[in-house]
Protein backbone atom coordinates (compact mmCIF):
# COMPACT_ATOMS: atom_id res chain seq x y z
CA UNK A 1 27.84 180.31 101.29
CA UNK A 2 28.53 177.81 104.08
CA UNK A 3 31.73 176.49 105.65
CA UNK A 4 32.25 172.98 106.97
CA UNK A 5 34.57 173.97 109.79
CA UNK A 6 35.48 170.42 110.84
CA UNK A 7 35.69 167.25 108.74
CA UNK A 8 38.12 164.41 108.07
CA UNK A 9 38.61 164.23 104.33
CA UNK A 10 41.82 162.19 104.62
CA UNK A 11 39.89 159.26 106.13
CA UNK A 12 39.63 156.13 103.97
CA UNK A 13 35.85 156.47 103.67
CA UNK A 14 36.44 159.28 101.17
CA UNK A 15 39.38 157.89 99.22
CA UNK A 16 37.43 156.37 96.29
CA UNK A 17 35.53 159.57 95.44
CA UNK A 18 37.08 162.58 97.12
CA UNK A 19 36.80 164.74 94.01
CA UNK A 20 33.10 163.94 93.80
CA UNK A 21 32.59 164.71 97.49
CA UNK A 22 34.21 168.12 97.08
CA UNK A 23 32.15 168.78 93.95
CA UNK A 24 28.94 167.94 95.83
CA UNK A 25 29.96 170.33 98.60
CA UNK A 26 30.47 173.15 96.13
CA UNK A 27 27.13 172.41 94.47
CA UNK A 28 25.53 172.75 97.92
CA UNK A 29 27.28 176.14 98.38
CA UNK A 30 29.67 174.71 100.96
CA UNK A 31 32.59 176.72 99.65
CA UNK A 32 35.25 175.96 102.28
CA UNK A 33 36.12 172.82 104.26
CA UNK A 34 38.66 172.26 107.02
CA UNK A 35 40.09 168.76 107.20
CA UNK A 36 41.33 168.09 110.71
CA UNK A 37 44.57 166.58 111.93
CA UNK A 38 44.27 163.75 114.44
CA UNK A 39 47.84 162.37 114.49
CA UNK A 40 51.25 163.68 113.50
CA UNK A 41 51.98 160.43 111.68
CA UNK A 42 49.08 161.04 109.30
CA UNK A 43 49.50 164.80 109.04
CA UNK A 44 51.18 164.55 105.60
CA UNK A 45 47.99 162.93 104.30
CA UNK A 46 45.85 165.67 105.84
CA UNK A 47 48.04 168.38 104.32
CA UNK A 48 48.03 166.63 100.94
CA UNK A 49 44.22 166.84 100.81
CA UNK A 50 44.31 170.54 101.67
CA UNK A 51 46.94 171.23 99.02
CA UNK A 52 44.97 169.29 96.42
CA UNK A 53 41.91 171.54 96.61
CA UNK A 54 41.86 175.34 96.62
CA UNK A 55 38.86 175.46 98.95
CA UNK A 56 40.18 172.99 101.56
CA UNK A 57 42.31 173.95 104.54
CA UNK A 58 43.63 171.81 107.39
CA UNK A 59 44.79 171.76 110.98
CA UNK A 60 47.62 170.00 112.79
CA UNK A 61 46.94 168.12 115.98
CA UNK A 62 46.77 164.95 118.02
CA UNK A 63 43.34 163.69 119.06
CA UNK A 64 43.14 162.94 122.80
CA UNK A 65 42.59 159.26 121.95
CA UNK A 66 46.09 159.24 120.41
CA UNK A 67 47.92 160.86 123.32
CA UNK A 68 49.49 157.60 124.46
CA UNK A 69 50.81 156.93 120.94
CA UNK A 70 52.04 160.48 120.29
CA UNK A 71 52.77 162.12 123.65
CA UNK A 72 54.12 165.67 123.52
CA UNK A 73 56.64 167.21 125.90
CA UNK A 74 56.40 170.62 124.19
CA UNK A 75 54.73 172.45 121.31
CA UNK A 76 57.61 172.26 118.84
CA UNK A 77 56.33 169.33 116.69
CA UNK A 78 53.05 171.18 116.16
CA UNK A 79 54.66 174.54 115.47
CA UNK A 80 57.03 173.07 112.90
CA UNK A 81 54.17 171.51 110.93
CA UNK A 82 52.10 174.69 110.98
CA UNK A 83 54.45 176.64 108.73
CA UNK A 84 52.45 175.74 105.62
CA UNK A 85 49.82 178.46 104.92
CA UNK A 86 47.20 175.76 104.38
CA UNK A 87 47.39 175.00 108.12
CA UNK A 88 44.86 177.32 109.75
CA UNK A 89 44.27 175.77 113.17
CA UNK A 90 45.77 173.68 115.99
CA UNK A 91 43.99 170.47 116.95
CA UNK A 92 41.87 168.66 117.33
CA UNK A 93 43.01 168.37 120.90
CA UNK A 94 41.38 168.26 124.30
CA UNK A 95 40.18 165.65 126.75
CA UNK A 96 38.05 162.55 126.23
CA UNK A 97 37.40 160.58 129.40
CA UNK A 98 34.45 158.66 127.94
CA UNK A 99 36.46 155.96 126.19
CA UNK A 100 39.72 156.26 128.13
CA UNK A 101 41.84 155.30 125.14
CA UNK A 102 44.75 157.32 126.56
CA UNK A 103 45.72 158.04 130.18
CA UNK A 104 44.37 161.32 131.48
CA UNK A 105 47.79 162.73 132.37
CA UNK A 106 48.99 162.27 128.79
CA UNK A 107 45.82 163.83 127.41
CA UNK A 108 46.30 166.85 129.69
CA UNK A 109 49.96 167.24 128.76
CA UNK A 110 49.11 167.13 125.05
CA UNK A 111 46.24 169.57 125.54
CA UNK A 112 48.57 172.09 127.16
CA UNK A 113 51.17 171.64 124.40
CA UNK A 114 48.51 172.35 121.77
CA UNK A 115 47.44 175.46 123.66
CA UNK A 116 51.05 176.65 123.74
CA UNK A 117 51.30 176.12 119.98
CA UNK A 118 48.04 177.96 119.32
CA UNK A 119 49.18 180.86 121.47
CA UNK A 120 52.58 181.15 119.77
CA UNK A 121 51.23 180.70 116.24
CA UNK A 122 48.19 182.91 116.85
CA UNK A 123 46.02 180.20 115.34
CA UNK A 124 42.73 178.98 116.82
CA UNK A 125 42.63 175.93 119.07
CA UNK A 126 40.18 173.20 118.02
CA UNK A 127 38.90 171.53 121.19
CA UNK A 128 37.33 168.08 121.55
CA UNK A 129 35.87 167.42 125.00
CA UNK A 130 33.76 164.51 126.19
CA UNK A 131 32.96 163.59 129.79
CA UNK A 132 35.76 165.94 130.86
CA UNK A 133 34.11 169.32 131.28
CA UNK A 134 35.59 170.22 134.67
CA UNK A 135 39.17 169.63 133.57
CA UNK A 136 38.58 171.22 130.17
CA UNK A 137 37.20 174.40 131.74
CA UNK A 138 39.95 174.52 134.37
CA UNK A 139 42.79 174.04 131.87
CA UNK A 140 41.43 176.56 129.37
CA UNK A 141 41.03 179.10 132.15
CA UNK A 142 44.50 178.49 133.58
CA UNK A 143 46.15 178.67 130.19
CA UNK A 144 44.27 181.81 129.18
CA UNK A 145 45.79 183.41 132.27
CA UNK A 146 49.24 182.66 130.88
CA UNK A 147 48.53 184.38 127.57
CA UNK A 148 45.57 184.86 125.29
CA UNK A 149 44.56 182.45 122.53
CA UNK A 150 41.42 181.83 120.50
CA UNK A 151 39.51 178.68 119.70
CA UNK A 152 36.36 176.69 119.16
CA UNK A 153 34.63 173.90 121.03
CA UNK A 154 33.98 171.59 118.10
CA UNK A 155 30.99 169.27 117.81
CA UNK A 156 29.49 170.83 120.91
CA UNK A 157 27.50 168.38 123.05
CA UNK A 158 28.17 169.91 126.45
CA UNK A 159 26.29 171.60 129.23
CA UNK A 160 25.13 175.18 129.60
CA UNK A 161 28.05 175.72 131.96
CA UNK A 162 30.60 174.63 129.35
CA UNK A 163 29.01 176.89 126.76
CA UNK A 164 29.04 179.88 129.09
CA UNK A 165 32.63 179.29 130.22
CA UNK A 166 33.83 178.86 126.63
CA UNK A 167 32.02 181.99 125.48
CA UNK A 168 33.45 183.96 128.41
CA UNK A 169 36.94 182.98 127.22
CA UNK A 170 36.12 184.31 123.75
CA UNK A 171 35.67 180.91 122.11
CA UNK A 172 33.25 179.98 119.37
CA UNK A 173 30.94 176.97 119.56
CA UNK A 174 30.37 174.63 116.64
CA UNK A 175 27.16 172.71 115.98
CA UNK A 176 27.29 169.33 114.27
CA UNK A 177 24.67 166.93 112.95
CA UNK A 178 23.96 165.82 116.52
CA UNK A 179 21.95 169.03 116.87
CA UNK A 180 19.43 167.64 114.35
CA UNK A 181 18.82 164.36 116.17
CA UNK A 182 15.35 163.85 117.65
CA UNK A 183 16.68 163.18 121.16
CA UNK A 184 18.94 166.27 121.24
CA UNK A 185 16.47 168.63 122.91
CA UNK A 186 18.84 169.46 125.77
CA UNK A 187 21.65 170.22 123.35
CA UNK A 188 19.40 172.43 121.23
CA UNK A 189 18.39 174.34 124.36
CA UNK A 190 22.04 175.15 125.03
CA UNK A 191 22.82 176.01 121.41
CA UNK A 192 19.85 178.36 121.35
CA UNK A 193 21.66 180.53 123.91
CA UNK A 194 24.88 180.81 121.86
CA UNK A 195 25.11 184.26 120.27
CA UNK A 196 24.88 184.17 116.50
CA UNK A 197 28.26 185.88 116.21
CA UNK A 198 29.93 182.94 118.01
CA UNK A 199 28.35 180.04 116.16
CA UNK A 200 29.98 177.75 113.60
CA UNK A 201 28.62 174.70 111.79
CA UNK A 202 30.42 171.47 110.90
CA UNK A 203 29.91 167.87 109.84
CA UNK A 204 32.71 165.96 111.61
CA UNK A 205 32.42 163.82 108.46
CA UNK A 206 32.47 160.91 107.88
CA UNK A 207 30.73 160.70 111.26
CA UNK A 208 27.47 162.06 112.69
CA UNK A 209 25.42 162.58 109.56
CA UNK A 210 22.48 164.92 110.27
CA UNK A 211 18.86 164.12 109.71
CA UNK A 212 17.69 162.93 107.19
CA UNK A 213 20.96 161.05 106.55
CA UNK A 214 21.57 159.72 110.06
CA UNK A 215 23.35 156.37 109.97
CA UNK A 216 24.93 157.02 106.58
CA UNK A 217 28.41 158.32 105.81
CA UNK A 218 28.50 162.05 106.44
CA UNK A 219 30.08 164.51 104.00
CA UNK A 220 30.57 168.30 103.79
CA UNK A 221 27.52 168.91 101.58
CA UNK A 222 25.33 167.76 104.47
CA UNK A 223 26.34 170.71 106.68
CA UNK A 224 23.44 172.63 105.14
CA UNK A 225 21.04 170.42 107.11
CA UNK A 226 22.71 171.37 110.38
CA UNK A 227 22.61 175.01 109.29
CA UNK A 228 18.90 174.69 108.54
CA UNK A 229 18.28 173.29 112.02
CA UNK A 230 20.16 176.25 113.49
CA UNK A 231 18.00 178.73 111.54
CA UNK A 232 14.90 177.26 113.12
CA UNK A 233 16.51 177.28 116.55
CA UNK A 234 17.78 180.87 116.28
CA UNK A 235 14.71 182.26 114.49
CA UNK A 236 16.66 183.71 111.57
CA UNK A 237 16.64 183.18 107.83
CA UNK A 238 18.92 180.64 106.21
CA UNK A 239 20.88 183.40 104.48
CA UNK A 240 21.40 185.23 107.77
CA UNK A 241 22.59 182.05 109.47
CA UNK A 242 24.91 181.22 106.57
CA UNK A 243 26.34 184.74 106.46
CA UNK A 244 26.92 184.81 110.21
CA UNK A 245 28.57 181.41 110.54
CA UNK A 246 30.74 182.06 107.49
CA UNK A 247 31.85 185.46 108.82
CA UNK A 248 32.54 183.90 112.21
CA UNK A 249 34.69 181.25 110.57
CA UNK A 250 36.87 183.70 108.67
CA UNK A 251 37.22 185.93 111.71
CA UNK A 252 38.40 182.99 113.83
CA UNK A 253 40.43 181.14 111.20
CA UNK A 254 42.14 184.26 109.93
CA UNK A 255 44.67 182.41 107.76
CA UNK A 256 41.89 181.17 105.49
CA UNK A 257 41.30 183.23 102.37
CA UNK A 258 37.77 184.31 101.57
CA UNK A 259 37.25 183.96 97.84
């Protein structure tokens, strides 16, 4: 059994054949998927997908790119939407300075509001960070000092320092299809140091399809290729990798039901 811990099944790329996509995932032994919230405006669509399928859960959050459109002054809008038991995480949230689609101060304010929601709800924080490691590390450390919370650095592409700081805070680290790319040697070197009991796998579908599907639309069934790459990196069997990442998922996302 595998879990796709981060995908976007509400995106229009999946609309024509969502039932088929979920069926292919199940055939590939991807038994659980988490479809991720990126805006509050579209959260009803995200929740609708999760409620449509027994094996799909969701999160509530505002992507850092959307901070200027949906700025938060507090955690209340997130907390209110997390009442549904299908909501098992808060995010994705974080900081993305690469594109600069939203001002940094608004991204930081939203990040802190998401952390407050995760802390109050006792749900894991789903963190997106790109070209913002110093601020991400500083904010996570400051906020952890105000009260404990759990989380995951999703689609990890960061440095050894980010991995070590995240692990020290008790976070998990999630590998995506990027880890299978030929030019990702530096990333694989970092992922190799992540303890097996802190590792998750994901697709970030419809983006970042792993080898041998790079350049095509990604989907949850393809997470097995990322998992296979991790078995080679960690020197374990596929079953051991699958068992570990699945157990890690259910330990972190404790609202999810293991069938």
